[in-house]
Amino acid sequence: MAYLTTTGSGQPVLILKEGTSRSRGKEAQRNNIMAARVIGEVLKTTLGPRGMDKMLIDGLGDITITNDGAAILDEMDVEHPAAKMMVEIAKTQDDMVGDGTTTTVVLASELLKKAEELLDQNIHPTILVSGYRKAALKAIEIIGKVAEPVDINDRKTLLKVALTSMGSKAVGSAREHLAEISIDAVKQIAEQRGDHKIADIDNIQLVKKTGKSLLET
């Protein structure tokens, strides 16, 4: 169905293309939640130490095998606006932190699942938004209390952090080697700013060269 409006002179104007459907109210809420949750379901099975790889085949037949959330979403052709928002959440996480994209999307998906259950109880969306905002502030408060400071010279702890991030990368036996290099690179560019060490990763350049294995990096 095409949706029409008219100008002051009565001339019809097509505002939505042929085949477009329109939903509103609870139906629209459910459709948006479902579309967003699909993204979370796709990535859920890649999360954690037992996460599985995904095989992605593009239009040219090129195959990519990965369990990295950012890489998977980058290869997906997402059209639904709500689903696109989930992809943008992942991209923001990847740009700002460089890791945790899968966790972010799965967590957002579960929050939407719980929100849908509350909507079914006729709780108004503005109340849910207010509640989630309060919960977010409380979560940040708790994280601040339980967080442990890490000394930049504590190489053992830094190595654990780097190895955790390497878990979603297809680097095999080169994990520890690449983790060590990553630590050295970050320490090299880290600058003292006030009471903190700040590392701008834009100051790290990656140069690809042909070699025998990743261990030659």
N, C-alpha and C. Protein backbone atom coordinates (compact mmCIF):
# COMPACT_ATOMS: atom_id res chain seq x y z
N MET A 1 0.85 -1.19 0.00
CA MET A 1 0.00 0.00 0.00
C MET A 1 0.89 1.24 0.00
N ALA A 2 0.56 2.22 -0.82
CA ALA A 2 1.27 3.49 -0.84
C ALA A 2 0.48 4.51 -0.04
N TYR A 3 1.17 5.36 0.71
CA TYR A 3 0.50 6.36 1.53
C TYR A 3 0.59 7.72 0.84
N LEU A 4 -0.55 8.39 0.74
CA LEU A 4 -0.63 9.66 0.03
C LEU A 4 -1.06 10.79 0.95
N THR A 5 -0.58 11.96 0.64
CA THR A 5 -1.10 13.18 1.26
C THR A 5 -1.39 14.15 0.12
N THR A 6 -1.94 15.27 0.42
CA THR A 6 -2.27 16.22 -0.64
C THR A 6 -1.70 17.59 -0.32
N THR A 7 -1.41 18.35 -1.37
CA THR A 7 -0.95 19.72 -1.20
C THR A 7 -2.17 20.61 -1.03
N GLY A 8 -1.94 21.90 -0.83
CA GLY A 8 -3.04 22.84 -0.65
C GLY A 8 -3.96 22.89 -1.86
N SER A 9 -3.41 22.58 -3.04
CA SER A 9 -4.21 22.60 -4.27
C SER A 9 -4.90 21.27 -4.54
N GLY A 10 -4.72 20.32 -3.62
CA GLY A 10 -5.36 19.02 -3.79
C GLY A 10 -4.53 18.03 -4.59
N GLN A 11 -3.28 18.41 -4.94
CA GLN A 11 -2.40 17.52 -5.70
C GLN A 11 -1.88 16.41 -4.79
N PRO A 12 -2.12 15.12 -5.14
CA PRO A 12 -1.63 14.02 -4.29
C PRO A 12 -0.10 13.91 -4.32
N VAL A 13 0.49 13.63 -3.17
CA VAL A 13 1.94 13.49 -3.06
C VAL A 13 2.24 12.16 -2.38
N LEU A 14 3.06 11.34 -3.02
CA LEU A 14 3.44 10.04 -2.46
C LEU A 14 4.51 10.27 -1.40
N ILE A 15 4.25 9.88 -0.15
CA ILE A 15 5.23 10.11 0.92
C ILE A 15 5.92 8.82 1.36
N LEU A 16 5.35 7.67 1.07
CA LEU A 16 5.99 6.40 1.36
C LEU A 16 5.91 5.53 0.11
N LYS A 17 6.99 4.83 -0.18
CA LYS A 17 7.03 4.06 -1.42
C LYS A 17 6.05 2.89 -1.41
N GLU A 18 5.75 2.43 -2.60
CA GLU A 18 4.84 1.30 -2.79
C GLU A 18 5.34 0.08 -2.01
N GLY A 19 4.43 -0.59 -1.32
CA GLY A 19 4.80 -1.78 -0.56
C GLY A 19 5.16 -1.49 0.88
N THR A 20 5.18 -0.21 1.25
CA THR A 20 5.51 0.16 2.62
C THR A 20 4.33 -0.12 3.55
N SER A 21 4.62 -0.67 4.71
CA SER A 21 3.57 -0.89 5.70
C SER A 21 3.82 0.03 6.89
N ARG A 22 2.77 0.29 7.65
CA ARG A 22 2.90 1.20 8.78
C ARG A 22 2.30 0.56 10.02
N SER A 23 3.00 0.69 11.13
CA SER A 23 2.49 0.16 12.40
C SER A 23 2.62 1.24 13.46
N ARG A 24 1.83 1.12 14.51
CA ARG A 24 1.87 2.12 15.57
C ARG A 24 1.52 1.46 16.90
N GLY A 25 1.74 2.21 17.98
CA GLY A 25 1.39 1.70 19.30
C GLY A 25 2.18 0.47 19.70
N LYS A 26 1.52 -0.47 20.35
CA LYS A 26 2.19 -1.67 20.86
C LYS A 26 2.73 -2.54 19.73
N GLU A 27 2.05 -2.52 18.60
CA GLU A 27 2.53 -3.31 17.47
C GLU A 27 3.89 -2.81 17.01
N ALA A 28 4.05 -1.49 16.94
CA ALA A 28 5.33 -0.90 16.54
C ALA A 28 6.41 -1.21 17.57
N GLN A 29 6.05 -1.14 18.86
CA GLN A 29 7.01 -1.46 19.91
C GLN A 29 7.50 -2.89 19.78
N ARG A 30 6.57 -3.82 19.58
CA ARG A 30 6.94 -5.23 19.47
C ARG A 30 7.82 -5.48 18.24
N ASN A 31 7.47 -4.85 17.12
CA ASN A 31 8.26 -5.02 15.90
C ASN A 31 9.68 -4.51 16.08
N ASN A 32 9.82 -3.36 16.71
CA ASN A 32 11.14 -2.78 16.93
C ASN A 32 11.97 -3.64 17.89
N ILE A 33 11.34 -4.08 18.96
CA ILE A 33 12.04 -4.92 19.93
C ILE A 33 12.48 -6.23 19.29
N MET A 34 11.60 -6.84 18.51
CA MET A 34 11.92 -8.10 17.87
C MET A 34 13.10 -7.95 16.91
N ALA A 35 13.08 -6.89 16.10
CA ALA A 35 14.16 -6.66 15.13
C ALA A 35 15.49 -6.44 15.83
N ALA A 36 15.48 -5.68 16.92
CA ALA A 36 16.71 -5.42 17.66
C ALA A 36 17.22 -6.69 18.34
N ARG A 37 16.30 -7.49 18.87
CA ARG A 37 16.70 -8.71 19.58
C ARG A 37 17.28 -9.75 18.64
N VAL A 38 16.89 -9.72 17.37
CA VAL A 38 17.45 -10.66 16.40
C VAL A 38 18.96 -10.49 16.31
N ILE A 39 19.42 -9.24 16.34
CA ILE A 39 20.86 -8.97 16.30
C ILE A 39 21.55 -9.60 17.50
N GLY A 40 20.93 -9.46 18.67
CA GLY A 40 21.49 -10.06 19.88
C GLY A 40 21.53 -11.58 19.80
N GLU A 41 20.48 -12.18 19.22
CA GLU A 41 20.43 -13.64 19.09
C GLU A 41 21.52 -14.14 18.15
N VAL A 42 21.81 -13.38 17.11
CA VAL A 42 22.85 -13.77 16.16
C VAL A 42 24.21 -13.83 16.85
N LEU A 43 24.48 -12.86 17.71
CA LEU A 43 25.80 -12.77 18.34
C LEU A 43 25.91 -13.59 19.62
N LYS A 44 24.79 -13.96 20.22
CA LYS A 44 24.80 -14.62 21.53
C LYS A 44 25.66 -15.88 21.53
N THR A 45 25.60 -16.66 20.47
CA THR A 45 26.32 -17.94 20.44
C THR A 45 27.82 -17.76 20.23
N THR A 46 28.28 -16.53 20.00
CA THR A 46 29.72 -16.29 19.85
C THR A 46 30.35 -15.82 21.15
N LEU A 47 29.53 -15.61 22.18
CA LEU A 47 30.01 -14.99 23.42
C LEU A 47 30.66 -16.01 24.35
N GLY A 48 31.75 -15.59 24.99
CA GLY A 48 32.36 -16.41 26.03
C GLY A 48 33.39 -17.40 25.52
N PRO A 49 34.04 -18.10 26.45
CA PRO A 49 35.11 -19.05 26.09
C PRO A 49 34.63 -20.21 25.22
N ARG A 50 33.33 -20.51 25.27
CA ARG A 50 32.78 -21.58 24.44
C ARG A 50 32.02 -21.03 23.24
N GLY A 51 32.24 -19.77 22.96
CA GLY A 51 31.57 -19.14 21.83
C GLY A 51 31.97 -19.79 20.51
N MET A 52 31.04 -19.87 19.60
CA MET A 52 31.28 -20.51 18.30
C MET A 52 31.54 -19.47 17.22
N ASP A 53 32.33 -19.86 16.22
CA ASP A 53 32.60 -19.00 15.09
C ASP A 53 31.40 -18.96 14.15
N LYS A 54 31.31 -17.89 13.39
CA LYS A 54 30.29 -17.76 12.35
C LYS A 54 30.98 -17.77 10.98
N MET A 55 30.37 -18.45 10.03
CA MET A 55 30.87 -18.41 8.65
C MET A 55 30.02 -17.44 7.85
N LEU A 56 30.64 -16.40 7.35
CA LEU A 56 29.94 -15.36 6.60
C LEU A 56 30.36 -15.42 5.13
N ILE A 57 29.38 -15.40 4.24
CA ILE A 57 29.65 -15.43 2.80
C ILE A 57 29.02 -14.19 2.17
N ASP A 58 29.83 -13.35 1.55
CA ASP A 58 29.29 -12.13 0.96
C ASP A 58 28.78 -12.38 -0.46
N GLY A 59 28.32 -11.33 -1.11
CA GLY A 59 27.74 -11.45 -2.43
C GLY A 59 28.71 -11.95 -3.49
N LEU A 60 30.00 -11.77 -3.25
CA LEU A 60 31.02 -12.22 -4.20
C LEU A 60 31.49 -13.64 -3.92
N GLY A 61 30.95 -14.22 -2.84
CA GLY A 61 31.35 -15.58 -2.48
C GLY A 61 32.54 -15.65 -1.55
N ASP A 62 33.07 -14.50 -1.13
CA ASP A 62 34.19 -14.49 -0.20
C ASP A 62 33.73 -14.96 1.17
N ILE A 63 34.53 -15.80 1.80
CA ILE A 63 34.16 -16.40 3.08
C ILE A 63 34.97 -15.79 4.23
N THR A 64 34.28 -15.44 5.30
CA THR A 64 34.93 -14.94 6.51
C THR A 64 34.48 -15.80 7.68
N ILE A 65 35.43 -16.32 8.44
CA ILE A 65 35.11 -17.12 9.63
C ILE A 65 35.62 -16.37 10.85
N THR A 66 34.72 -15.99 11.74
CA THR A 66 35.09 -15.20 12.91
C THR A 66 34.04 -15.32 14.01
N ASN A 67 34.45 -15.02 15.23
CA ASN A 67 33.47 -14.89 16.32
C ASN A 67 33.54 -13.50 16.93
N ASP A 68 34.18 -12.58 16.20
CA ASP A 68 34.29 -11.19 16.63
C ASP A 68 33.01 -10.45 16.28
N GLY A 69 32.34 -9.91 17.29
CA GLY A 69 31.05 -9.26 17.09
C GLY A 69 31.10 -8.12 16.09
N ALA A 70 32.12 -7.28 16.19
CA ALA A 70 32.24 -6.13 15.29
C ALA A 70 32.39 -6.58 13.84
N ALA A 71 33.19 -7.63 13.63
CA ALA A 71 33.41 -8.14 12.27
C ALA A 71 32.13 -8.74 11.69
N ILE A 72 31.39 -9.47 12.53
CA ILE A 72 30.14 -10.10 12.07
C ILE A 72 29.12 -9.04 11.67
N LEU A 73 28.95 -8.03 12.51
CA LEU A 73 27.97 -6.98 12.22
C LEU A 73 28.37 -6.16 11.00
N ASP A 74 29.68 -6.01 10.80
CA ASP A 74 30.16 -5.25 9.66
C ASP A 74 29.82 -5.94 8.34
N GLU A 75 29.72 -7.27 8.39
CA GLU A 75 29.41 -8.04 7.18
C GLU A 75 27.91 -8.20 6.95
N MET A 76 27.10 -7.90 7.97
CA MET A 76 25.65 -8.09 7.84
C MET A 76 24.99 -6.91 7.14
N ASP A 77 24.01 -7.22 6.31
CA ASP A 77 23.24 -6.18 5.62
C ASP A 77 21.95 -5.95 6.40
N VAL A 78 21.97 -4.98 7.29
CA VAL A 78 20.84 -4.72 8.18
C VAL A 78 20.02 -3.55 7.65
N GLU A 79 18.71 -3.74 7.54
CA GLU A 79 17.84 -2.70 6.99
C GLU A 79 16.88 -2.11 8.02
N HIS A 80 16.40 -2.91 8.96
CA HIS A 80 15.41 -2.41 9.92
C HIS A 80 16.03 -1.33 10.80
N PRO A 81 15.37 -0.18 10.96
CA PRO A 81 15.92 0.93 11.76
C PRO A 81 16.31 0.54 13.18
N ALA A 82 15.48 -0.25 13.86
CA ALA A 82 15.79 -0.64 15.23
C ALA A 82 17.00 -1.56 15.27
N ALA A 83 17.09 -2.46 14.30
CA ALA A 83 18.26 -3.34 14.23
C ALA A 83 19.52 -2.55 13.92
N LYS A 84 19.37 -1.52 13.07
CA LYS A 84 20.52 -0.66 12.75
C LYS A 84 21.04 0.05 14.00
N MET A 85 20.13 0.40 14.91
CA MET A 85 20.55 1.05 16.16
C MET A 85 21.43 0.11 16.97
N MET A 86 21.12 -1.18 16.97
CA MET A 86 21.95 -2.16 17.68
C MET A 86 23.34 -2.23 17.05
N VAL A 87 23.38 -2.17 15.73
CA VAL A 87 24.67 -2.18 15.03
C VAL A 87 25.47 -0.94 15.40
N GLU A 88 24.80 0.21 15.49
CA GLU A 88 25.48 1.46 15.85
C GLU A 88 26.01 1.40 17.28
N ILE A 89 25.25 0.74 18.17
CA ILE A 89 25.72 0.55 19.55
C ILE A 89 27.04 -0.20 19.55
N ALA A 90 27.10 -1.26 18.75
CA ALA A 90 28.31 -2.08 18.67
C ALA A 90 29.48 -1.27 18.09
N LYS A 91 29.20 -0.48 17.05
CA LYS A 91 30.25 0.33 16.43
C LYS A 91 30.80 1.36 17.41
N THR A 92 29.90 1.97 18.18
CA THR A 92 30.33 2.96 19.17
C THR A 92 31.22 2.31 20.22
N GLN A 93 30.82 1.12 20.68
CA GLN A 93 31.62 0.38 21.65
C GLN A 93 32.99 0.05 21.08
N ASP A 94 33.02 -0.39 19.83
CA ASP A 94 34.29 -0.76 19.19
C ASP A 94 35.19 0.45 19.01
N ASP A 95 34.61 1.60 18.63
CA ASP A 95 35.40 2.81 18.42
C ASP A 95 35.95 3.36 19.73
N MET A 96 35.15 3.31 20.79
CA MET A 96 35.55 3.92 22.06
C MET A 96 36.41 3.00 22.92
N VAL A 97 36.15 1.69 22.86
CA VAL A 97 36.85 0.75 23.74
C VAL A 97 37.72 -0.23 22.96
N GLY A 98 37.26 -0.61 21.77
CA GLY A 98 38.02 -1.56 20.97
C GLY A 98 37.70 -3.01 21.26
N ASP A 99 36.77 -3.25 22.16
CA ASP A 99 36.40 -4.62 22.53
C ASP A 99 35.02 -4.58 23.20
N GLY A 100 34.44 -5.76 23.41
CA GLY A 100 33.18 -5.84 24.13
C GLY A 100 31.94 -5.59 23.30
N THR A 101 32.08 -5.65 21.96
CA THR A 101 30.93 -5.38 21.11
C THR A 101 29.83 -6.44 21.29
N THR A 102 30.25 -7.70 21.35
CA THR A 102 29.26 -8.78 21.51
C THR A 102 28.53 -8.65 22.83
N THR A 103 29.28 -8.43 23.91
CA THR A 103 28.67 -8.28 25.23
C THR A 103 27.68 -7.12 25.25
N THR A 104 28.05 -6.02 24.62
CA THR A 104 27.18 -4.84 24.58
C THR A 104 25.86 -5.14 23.88
N VAL A 105 25.94 -5.79 22.73
CA VAL A 105 24.73 -6.09 21.96
C VAL A 105 23.85 -7.12 22.68
N VAL A 106 24.47 -8.15 23.24
CA VAL A 106 23.71 -9.19 23.94
C VAL A 106 23.03 -8.60 25.18
N LEU A 107 23.74 -7.73 25.90
CA LEU A 107 23.16 -7.09 27.08
C LEU A 107 21.98 -6.20 26.69
N ALA A 108 22.15 -5.41 25.63
CA ALA A 108 21.07 -4.55 25.16
C ALA A 108 19.86 -5.38 24.73
N SER A 109 20.13 -6.51 24.09
CA SER A 109 19.05 -7.40 23.66
C SER A 109 18.27 -7.95 24.84
N GLU A 110 18.98 -8.32 25.90
CA GLU A 110 18.31 -8.86 27.09
C GLU A 110 17.51 -7.77 27.82
N LEU A 111 18.02 -6.55 27.81
CA LEU A 111 17.28 -5.44 28.41
C LEU A 111 15.97 -5.20 27.66
N LEU A 112 16.03 -5.33 26.35
CA LEU A 112 14.81 -5.18 25.54
C LEU A 112 13.83 -6.31 25.80
N LYS A 113 14.36 -7.50 26.01
CA LYS A 113 13.50 -8.65 26.32
C LYS A 113 12.73 -8.40 27.61
N LYS A 114 13.44 -7.92 28.64
CA LYS A 114 12.78 -7.62 29.92
C LYS A 114 11.80 -6.46 29.77
N ALA A 115 12.17 -5.49 28.94
CA ALA A 115 11.28 -4.34 28.72
C ALA A 115 9.98 -4.80 28.07
N GLU A 116 10.07 -5.75 27.15
CA GLU A 116 8.87 -6.25 26.49
C GLU A 116 7.94 -6.93 27.49
N GLU A 117 8.53 -7.67 28.44
CA GLU A 117 7.73 -8.33 29.47
C GLU A 117 6.99 -7.30 30.32
N LEU A 118 7.66 -6.19 30.61
CA LEU A 118 7.04 -5.13 31.42
C LEU A 118 5.98 -4.38 30.62
N LEU A 119 6.22 -4.21 29.32
CA LEU A 119 5.22 -3.56 28.47
C LEU A 119 3.94 -4.39 28.41
N ASP A 120 4.11 -5.72 28.46
CA ASP A 120 2.95 -6.61 28.46
C ASP A 120 2.12 -6.46 29.73
N GLN A 121 2.75 -5.89 30.77
CA GLN A 121 2.04 -5.65 32.03
C GLN A 121 1.46 -4.23 32.05
N ASN A 122 1.44 -3.60 30.87
CA ASN A 122 0.88 -2.25 30.69
C ASN A 122 1.64 -1.17 31.47
N ILE A 123 2.93 -1.38 31.66
CA ILE A 123 3.77 -0.34 32.26
C ILE A 123 4.20 0.62 31.15
N HIS A 124 4.04 1.90 31.38
CA HIS A 124 4.30 2.90 30.34
C HIS A 124 5.79 2.95 29.98
N PRO A 125 6.11 3.11 28.68
CA PRO A 125 7.51 3.16 28.25
C PRO A 125 8.36 4.20 28.96
N THR A 126 7.78 5.38 29.28
CA THR A 126 8.56 6.41 29.96
C THR A 126 9.00 5.96 31.35
N ILE A 127 8.17 5.15 32.00
CA ILE A 127 8.53 4.61 33.31
C ILE A 127 9.69 3.62 33.17
N LEU A 128 9.64 2.81 32.11
CA LEU A 128 10.72 1.85 31.86
C LEU A 128 12.04 2.57 31.58
N VAL A 129 11.98 3.61 30.76
CA VAL A 129 13.18 4.38 30.43
C VAL A 129 13.77 5.00 31.70
N SER A 130 12.91 5.57 32.54
CA SER A 130 13.36 6.16 33.80
C SER A 130 14.02 5.11 34.69
N GLY A 131 13.40 3.93 34.74
CA GLY A 131 13.96 2.86 35.56
C GLY A 131 15.30 2.38 35.06
N TYR A 132 15.44 2.25 33.75
CA TYR A 132 16.71 1.81 33.18
C TYR A 132 17.81 2.84 33.41
N ARG A 133 17.45 4.12 33.35
CA ARG A 133 18.45 5.17 33.60
C ARG A 133 18.95 5.11 35.04
N LYS A 134 18.02 4.90 35.97
CA LYS A 134 18.41 4.77 37.38
C LYS A 134 19.28 3.54 37.58
N ALA A 135 18.92 2.45 36.91
CA ALA A 135 19.69 1.21 37.01
C ALA A 135 21.10 1.40 36.45
N ALA A 136 21.21 2.16 35.35
CA ALA A 136 22.52 2.42 34.75
C ALA A 136 23.42 3.21 35.70
N LEU A 137 22.85 4.23 36.33
CA LEU A 137 23.61 5.03 37.30
C LEU A 137 24.06 4.17 38.47
N LYS A 138 23.18 3.29 38.94
CA LYS A 138 23.53 2.40 40.05
C LYS A 138 24.62 1.42 39.64
N ALA A 139 24.53 0.91 38.41
CA ALA A 139 25.55 -0.02 37.92
C ALA A 139 26.92 0.65 37.85
N ILE A 140 26.94 1.90 37.36
CA ILE A 140 28.20 2.65 37.28
C ILE A 140 28.77 2.88 38.67
N GLU A 141 27.89 3.17 39.63
CA GLU A 141 28.32 3.38 41.01
C GLU A 141 28.96 2.11 41.58
N ILE A 142 28.33 0.97 41.34
CA ILE A 142 28.85 -0.31 41.85
C ILE A 142 30.17 -0.67 41.18
N ILE A 143 30.24 -0.45 39.87
CA ILE A 143 31.48 -0.73 39.14
C ILE A 143 32.63 0.09 39.71
N GLY A 144 32.34 1.36 40.03
CA GLY A 144 33.37 2.22 40.62
C GLY A 144 33.88 1.69 41.95
N LYS A 145 32.99 1.04 42.70
CA LYS A 145 33.37 0.51 44.01
C LYS A 145 34.18 -0.78 43.92
N VAL A 146 33.83 -1.63 42.96
CA VAL A 146 34.48 -2.94 42.88
C VAL A 146 35.69 -2.95 41.94
N ALA A 147 35.85 -1.88 41.15
CA ALA A 147 36.97 -1.83 40.21
C ALA A 147 38.30 -1.80 40.95
N GLU A 148 39.29 -2.46 40.38
CA GLU A 148 40.62 -2.49 40.97
C GLU A 148 41.59 -1.73 40.07
N PRO A 149 42.35 -0.80 40.65
CA PRO A 149 43.32 -0.06 39.84
C PRO A 149 44.43 -0.98 39.33
N VAL A 150 44.89 -0.71 38.12
CA VAL A 150 45.95 -1.52 37.52
C VAL A 150 47.16 -0.65 37.28
N ASP A 151 48.28 -1.08 37.81
CA ASP A 151 49.54 -0.37 37.62
C ASP A 151 50.08 -0.70 36.23
N ILE A 152 50.49 0.32 35.49
CA ILE A 152 51.00 0.09 34.14
C ILE A 152 52.24 -0.78 34.13
N ASN A 153 52.89 -0.87 35.28
CA ASN A 153 54.09 -1.72 35.39
C ASN A 153 53.74 -3.14 35.83
N ASP A 154 52.46 -3.40 36.11
CA ASP A 154 52.02 -4.74 36.49
C ASP A 154 51.77 -5.54 35.22
N ARG A 155 52.84 -6.05 34.65
CA ARG A 155 52.75 -6.70 33.34
C ARG A 155 51.88 -7.96 33.38
N LYS A 156 51.88 -8.66 34.50
CA LYS A 156 51.10 -9.89 34.61
C LYS A 156 49.60 -9.61 34.42
N THR A 157 49.11 -8.55 35.07
CA THR A 157 47.70 -8.20 34.94
C THR A 157 47.39 -7.67 33.55
N LEU A 158 48.29 -6.85 33.01
CA LEU A 158 48.10 -6.32 31.66
C LEU A 158 48.03 -7.45 30.64
N LEU A 159 48.84 -8.49 30.86
CA LEU A 159 48.85 -9.63 29.95
C LEU A 159 47.51 -10.37 30.00
N LYS A 160 46.94 -10.50 31.19
CA LYS A 160 45.63 -11.15 31.33
C LYS A 160 44.56 -10.38 30.56
N VAL A 161 44.61 -9.05 30.67
CA VAL A 161 43.63 -8.21 29.96
C VAL A 161 43.78 -8.37 28.45
N ALA A 162 45.02 -8.34 27.98
CA ALA A 162 45.27 -8.46 26.54
C ALA A 162 44.86 -9.83 26.02
N LEU A 163 45.14 -10.87 26.78
CA LEU A 163 44.78 -12.23 26.36
C LEU A 163 43.27 -12.41 26.28
N THR A 164 42.55 -11.75 27.19
CA THR A 164 41.08 -11.82 27.15
C THR A 164 40.56 -11.24 25.84
N SER A 165 41.12 -10.11 25.43
CA SER A 165 40.70 -9.49 24.17
C SER A 165 41.08 -10.34 22.97
N MET A 166 42.19 -11.05 23.08
CA MET A 166 42.63 -11.90 21.98
C MET A 166 41.74 -13.11 21.80
N GLY A 167 40.93 -13.41 22.79
CA GLY A 167 40.09 -14.60 22.75
C GLY A 167 39.13 -14.63 21.58
N SER A 168 38.70 -13.45 21.12
CA SER A 168 37.73 -13.39 20.02
C SER A 168 38.40 -13.21 18.66
N LYS A 169 39.73 -13.25 18.64
CA LYS A 169 40.46 -13.08 17.39
C LYS A 169 41.03 -14.42 16.94
N ALA A 170 41.02 -14.64 15.64
CA ALA A 170 41.51 -15.91 15.08
C ALA A 170 43.03 -15.86 14.95
N VAL A 171 43.72 -15.90 16.09
CA VAL A 171 45.18 -15.81 16.08
C VAL A 171 45.85 -17.08 16.57
N GLY A 172 45.06 -18.04 17.06
CA GLY A 172 45.59 -19.34 17.44
C GLY A 172 46.69 -19.27 18.48
N SER A 173 47.80 -19.96 18.17
CA SER A 173 48.91 -20.07 19.12
C SER A 173 49.70 -18.78 19.27
N ALA A 174 49.38 -17.77 18.45
CA ALA A 174 50.10 -16.49 18.53
C ALA A 174 49.50 -15.54 19.55
N ARG A 175 48.51 -16.00 20.31
CA ARG A 175 47.81 -15.13 21.26
C ARG A 175 48.77 -14.44 22.22
N GLU A 176 49.60 -15.23 22.90
CA GLU A 176 50.50 -14.65 23.91
C GLU A 176 51.52 -13.73 23.26
N HIS A 177 52.03 -14.12 22.10
CA HIS A 177 53.02 -13.30 21.40
C HIS A 177 52.43 -11.94 21.04
N LEU A 178 51.23 -11.94 20.47
CA LEU A 178 50.59 -10.69 20.08
C LEU A 178 50.16 -9.87 21.30
N ALA A 179 49.79 -10.56 22.38
CA ALA A 179 49.43 -9.85 23.61
C ALA A 179 50.63 -9.10 24.17
N GLU A 180 51.79 -9.75 24.14
CA GLU A 180 53.02 -9.11 24.63
C GLU A 180 53.36 -7.88 23.79
N ILE A 181 53.23 -8.02 22.47
CA ILE A 181 53.52 -6.89 21.57
C ILE A 181 52.54 -5.74 21.82
N SER A 182 51.28 -6.08 22.05
CA SER A 182 50.26 -5.06 22.30
C SER A 182 50.58 -4.26 23.55
N ILE A 183 51.01 -4.96 24.60
CA ILE A 183 51.38 -4.29 25.86
C ILE A 183 52.55 -3.35 25.63
N ASP A 184 53.56 -3.83 24.91
CA ASP A 184 54.75 -3.00 24.64
C ASP A 184 54.36 -1.74 23.86
N ALA A 185 53.46 -1.90 22.88
CA ALA A 185 53.05 -0.77 22.05
C ALA A 185 52.30 0.27 22.88
N VAL A 186 51.38 -0.19 23.71
CA VAL A 186 50.59 0.73 24.54
C VAL A 186 51.47 1.45 25.55
N LYS A 187 52.39 0.73 26.18
CA LYS A 187 53.28 1.36 27.15
C LYS A 187 54.18 2.39 26.48
N GLN A 188 54.53 2.14 25.22
CA GLN A 188 55.42 3.04 24.50
C GLN A 188 54.76 4.39 24.24
N ILE A 189 53.44 4.39 23.98
CA ILE A 189 52.76 5.65 23.63
C ILE A 189 52.02 6.29 24.80
N ALA A 190 51.95 5.58 25.93
CA ALA A 190 51.20 6.10 27.09
C ALA A 190 51.80 7.40 27.59
N GLU A 191 50.95 8.39 27.86
CA GLU A 191 51.39 9.69 28.36
C GLU A 191 50.77 9.96 29.72
N GLN A 192 51.53 10.59 30.59
CA GLN A 192 51.03 10.95 31.90
C GLN A 192 50.19 12.22 31.80
N ARG A 193 48.93 12.12 32.17
CA ARG A 193 48.04 13.29 32.17
C ARG A 193 47.36 13.35 33.52
N GLY A 194 47.84 14.24 34.35
CA GLY A 194 47.31 14.32 35.71
C GLY A 194 47.70 13.08 36.50
N ASP A 195 46.70 12.42 37.06
CA ASP A 195 46.96 11.22 37.86
C ASP A 195 46.86 9.94 37.03
N HIS A 196 46.63 10.08 35.73
CA HIS A 196 46.40 8.88 34.92
C HIS A 196 47.35 8.81 33.74
N LYS A 197 47.55 7.58 33.28
CA LYS A 197 48.28 7.33 32.04
C LYS A 197 47.25 7.19 30.92
N ILE A 198 47.41 7.96 29.87
CA ILE A 198 46.48 7.93 28.75
C ILE A 198 47.21 7.43 27.50
N ALA A 199 46.61 6.44 26.83
CA ALA A 199 47.20 5.90 25.60
C ALA A 199 46.26 6.16 24.43
N ASP A 200 46.69 6.98 23.51
CA ASP A 200 45.91 7.27 22.30
C ASP A 200 46.29 6.24 21.24
N ILE A 201 45.41 5.26 21.00
CA ILE A 201 45.76 4.16 20.09
C ILE A 201 45.91 4.63 18.65
N ASP A 202 45.50 5.86 18.35
CA ASP A 202 45.73 6.39 17.00
C ASP A 202 47.22 6.59 16.74
N ASN A 203 48.01 6.58 17.82
CA ASN A 203 49.46 6.73 17.68
C ASN A 203 50.15 5.40 17.40
N ILE A 204 49.36 4.34 17.30
CA ILE A 204 49.92 3.03 16.96
C ILE A 204 49.59 2.73 15.50
N GLN A 205 50.61 2.46 14.71
CA GLN A 205 50.41 2.17 13.29
C GLN A 205 50.59 0.68 13.04
N LEU A 206 49.64 0.10 12.34
CA LEU A 206 49.72 -1.32 11.97
C LEU A 206 50.19 -1.42 10.52
N VAL A 207 51.28 -2.14 10.31
CA VAL A 207 51.84 -2.31 8.97
C VAL A 207 51.77 -3.79 8.61
N LYS A 208 51.08 -4.08 7.52
CA LYS A 208 50.94 -5.47 7.08
C LYS A 208 52.08 -5.85 6.14
N LYS A 209 52.77 -6.96 6.48
CA LYS A 209 53.84 -7.45 5.63
C LYS A 209 53.71 -8.96 5.48
N THR A 210 54.11 -9.45 4.33
CA THR A 210 54.05 -10.88 4.07
C THR A 210 55.11 -11.60 4.90
N GLY A 211 54.70 -12.67 5.57
CA GLY A 211 55.64 -13.45 6.38
C GLY A 211 55.20 -14.89 6.46
N LYS A 212 55.91 -15.67 7.25
CA LYS A 212 55.59 -17.09 7.36
C LYS A 212 54.43 -17.33 8.32
N SER A 213 54.41 -16.60 9.44
CA SER A 213 53.35 -16.82 10.42
C SER A 213 53.15 -15.57 11.27
N LEU A 214 52.09 -15.59 12.08
CA LEU A 214 51.82 -14.47 12.98
C LEU A 214 52.92 -14.32 14.02
N LEU A 215 53.63 -15.39 14.31
CA LEU A 215 54.70 -15.34 15.31
C LEU A 215 55.87 -14.49 14.85
N GLU A 216 55.90 -14.12 13.57
CA GLU A 216 56.96 -13.25 13.06
C GLU A 216 56.62 -11.77 13.26
N THR A 217 55.42 -11.51 13.78
CA THR A 217 55.01 -10.13 14.02
C THR A 217 55.96 -9.47 15.01
